[in-house]
Structure formats: structure tokens, C-alpha cells
Amino acid sequence: MISADLGSQLEGFVAKLVETGRYNSKSEVLREGIRLIQEREARLALLDHALAKGIADAEAGRTNPAGDVFARLEAKYEAMGRAAK
């Protein structure tokens, strides 16, 4: 069992969520908050992994010239624009 002092502002916010029927209990509000934090942390871990991979690729010389990348993207999006018409 976890007991937490949320402070008056957060405690009031949680109480209002329960009073309005948005959540059935204070525990339900806190569980939802923890789930959201877990999701955010998972997304941040994926981002950290992608950044580390990108840095490693750049350091190993596994890159493409920016002009080539931009030309490929421009051609791709121009083709998408033509297809959408």
C-alpha cells in the first residue's frame, strides 16, 4: 500500500475528478496517472534508443548526404500530391 501526500492543489484536483464521476475513486485517478507515466517513459526509452542508433550510425559513417535525402523526400511528397489530385 502506498500513501502519498499530493498537496492541496493536486488533492483538490483528484477529488474533483472523483466528484464529477470521471473516476470512481482517488486510487483509480492515481493508477491512471501512473499508467500515463509508464507510457511516456516507454516512448522516451524508444526515442533514446533511436537517438543512440542515429549517433552510432553517424559516427560509423553510415549516413547519406543531406541533398540526396531532401531530393528523395521532395520527389516522394510531390508524387503523393499528384496522386491526391
C-alpha atoms as a PDB file:
ATOM      1  CA  MET A   1       0.000   0.000   0.000  1.00  0.00           C
ATOM      2  CA  ILE A   2       1.300   3.408  -0.950  1.00  0.00           C
ATOM      3  CA  SER A   3       0.385   6.561   0.866  1.00  0.00           C
ATOM      4  CA  ALA A   4       1.231   9.854  -0.797  1.00  0.00           C
ATOM      5  CA  ASP A   5       0.890  13.497   0.152  1.00  0.00           C
ATOM      6  CA  LEU A   6      -0.261  15.203  -3.033  1.00  0.00           C
ATOM      7  CA  GLY A   7      -0.528  18.680  -1.625  1.00  0.00           C
ATOM      8  CA  SER A   8      -3.741  20.651  -1.510  1.00  0.00           C
ATOM      9  CA  GLN A   9      -3.848  21.631  -5.199  1.00  0.00           C
ATOM     10  CA  LEU A  10      -3.423  18.099  -6.559  1.00  0.00           C
ATOM     11  CA  GLU A  11      -5.614  16.601  -3.846  1.00  0.00           C
ATOM     12  CA  GLY A  12      -8.377  19.041  -4.818  1.00  0.00           C
ATOM     13  CA  PHE A  13      -7.972  18.160  -8.490  1.00  0.00           C
ATOM     14  CA  VAL A  14      -8.194  14.437  -7.749  1.00  0.00           C
ATOM     15  CA  ALA A  15     -11.250  14.976  -5.525  1.00  0.00           C
ATOM     16  CA  LYS A  16     -12.968  16.961  -8.285  1.00  0.00           C
ATOM     17  CA  LEU A  17     -12.340  14.162 -10.800  1.00  0.00           C
ATOM     18  CA  VAL A  18     -13.999  11.703  -8.439  1.00  0.00           C
ATOM     19  CA  GLU A  19     -16.862  14.059  -7.518  1.00  0.00           C
ATOM     20  CA  THR A  20     -17.735  14.676 -11.171  1.00  0.00           C
ATOM     21  CA  GLY A  21     -17.853  10.934 -11.843  1.00  0.00           C
ATOM     22  CA  ARG A  22     -14.909  10.950 -14.222  1.00  0.00           C
ATOM     23  CA  TYR A  23     -13.251   8.384 -11.962  1.00  0.00           C
ATOM     24  CA  ASN A  24     -14.761   6.121  -9.306  1.00  0.00           C
ATOM     25  CA  SER A  25     -12.071   6.638  -6.678  1.00  0.00           C
ATOM     26  CA  LYS A  26      -8.892   8.511  -5.846  1.00  0.00           C
ATOM     27  CA  SER A  27      -6.971   5.274  -6.362  1.00  0.00           C
ATOM     28  CA  GLU A  28      -8.356   4.982  -9.875  1.00  0.00           C
ATOM     29  CA  VAL A  29      -7.131   8.504 -10.669  1.00  0.00           C
ATOM     30  CA  LEU A  30      -3.662   7.725  -9.346  1.00  0.00           C
ATOM     31  CA  ARG A  31      -3.488   4.396 -11.226  1.00  0.00           C
ATOM     32  CA  GLU A  32      -4.366   6.212 -14.473  1.00  0.00           C
ATOM     33  CA  GLY A  33      -1.651   8.774 -13.765  1.00  0.00           C
ATOM     34  CA  ILE A  34       0.923   6.048 -13.202  1.00  0.00           C
ATOM     35  CA  ARG A  35      -0.132   4.306 -16.441  1.00  0.00           C
ATOM     36  CA  LEU A  36       0.350   7.576 -18.345  1.00  0.00           C
ATOM     37  CA  ILE A  37       3.806   7.988 -16.819  1.00  0.00           C
ATOM     38  CA  GLN A  38       4.674   4.412 -17.832  1.00  0.00           C
ATOM     39  CA  GLU A  39       3.597   5.131 -21.419  1.00  0.00           C
ATOM     40  CA  ARG A  40       5.630   8.347 -21.510  1.00  0.00           C
ATOM     41  CA  GLU A  41       8.704   6.607 -20.108  1.00  0.00           C
ATOM     42  CA  ALA A  42       8.375   3.845 -22.719  1.00  0.00           C
ATOM     43  CA  ARG A  43       8.166   6.442 -25.527  1.00  0.00           C
ATOM     44  CA  LEU A  44      11.198   8.266 -24.105  1.00  0.00           C
ATOM     45  CA  ALA A  45      13.150   4.988 -23.951  1.00  0.00           C
ATOM     46  CA  LEU A  46      12.345   4.346 -27.632  1.00  0.00           C
ATOM     47  CA  LEU A  47      13.450   7.865 -28.510  1.00  0.00           C
ATOM     48  CA  ASP A  48      16.683   7.444 -26.541  1.00  0.00           C
ATOM     49  CA  HIS A  49      17.340   4.174 -28.389  1.00  0.00           C
ATOM     50  CA  ALA A  50      16.677   5.781 -31.787  1.00  0.00           C
ATOM     51  CA  LEU A  51      18.971   8.701 -30.955  1.00  0.00           C
ATOM     52  CA  ALA A  52      21.749   6.386 -29.800  1.00  0.00           C
ATOM     53  CA  LYS A  53      21.402   4.356 -33.004  1.00  0.00           C
ATOM     54  CA  GLY A  54      21.488   7.500 -35.124  1.00  0.00           C
ATOM     55  CA  ILE A  55      24.580   8.786 -33.354  1.00  0.00           C
ATOM     56  CA  ALA A  56      26.299   5.416 -33.720  1.00  0.00           C
ATOM     57  CA  ASP A  57      25.415   5.317 -37.430  1.00  0.00           C
ATOM     58  CA  ALA A  58      26.761   8.840 -37.933  1.00  0.00           C
ATOM     59  CA  GLU A  59      29.982   8.043 -36.071  1.00  0.00           C
ATOM     60  CA  ALA A  60      30.430   4.888 -38.180  1.00  0.00           C
ATOM     61  CA  GLY A  61      29.900   6.852 -41.386  1.00  0.00           C
ATOM     62  CA  ARG A  62      26.564   5.227 -42.199  1.00  0.00           C
ATOM     63  CA  THR A  63      24.984   8.433 -43.484  1.00  0.00           C
ATOM     64  CA  ASN A  64      23.628   9.890 -46.718  1.00  0.00           C
ATOM     65  CA  PRO A  65      24.329  13.380 -47.994  1.00  0.00           C
ATOM     66  CA  ALA A  66      21.561  15.785 -46.941  1.00  0.00           C
ATOM     67  CA  GLY A  67      20.973  16.886 -50.535  1.00  0.00           C
ATOM     68  CA  ASP A  68      20.228  13.303 -51.583  1.00  0.00           C
ATOM     69  CA  VAL A  69      17.828  12.813 -48.685  1.00  0.00           C
ATOM     70  CA  PHE A  70      15.998  16.078 -49.357  1.00  0.00           C
ATOM     71  CA  ALA A  71      15.712  15.310 -53.088  1.00  0.00           C
ATOM     72  CA  ARG A  72      14.251  11.873 -52.323  1.00  0.00           C
ATOM     73  CA  LEU A  73      11.751  13.341 -49.851  1.00  0.00           C
ATOM     74  CA  GLU A  74      10.770  16.118 -52.228  1.00  0.00           C
ATOM     75  CA  ALA A  75      10.116  13.606 -55.017  1.00  0.00           C
ATOM     76  CA  LYS A  76       8.121  11.397 -52.665  1.00  0.00           C
ATOM     77  CA  TYR A  77       5.852  14.197 -51.445  1.00  0.00           C
ATOM     78  CA  GLU A  78       5.399  15.651 -54.922  1.00  0.00           C
ATOM     79  CA  ALA A  79       4.257  12.215 -56.101  1.00  0.00           C
ATOM     80  CA  MET A  80       1.875  11.958 -53.138  1.00  0.00           C
ATOM     81  CA  GLY A  81       0.473  15.394 -54.005  1.00  0.00           C
ATOM     82  CA  ARG A  82      -0.100  14.400 -57.617  1.00  0.00           C
ATOM     83  CA  ALA A  83      -1.777  11.150 -56.556  1.00  0.00           C
ATOM     84  CA  ALA A  84      -4.117  13.027 -54.203  1.00  0.00           C
ATOM     85  CA  LYS A  85      -5.489  15.222 -57.025  1.00  0.00           C
END
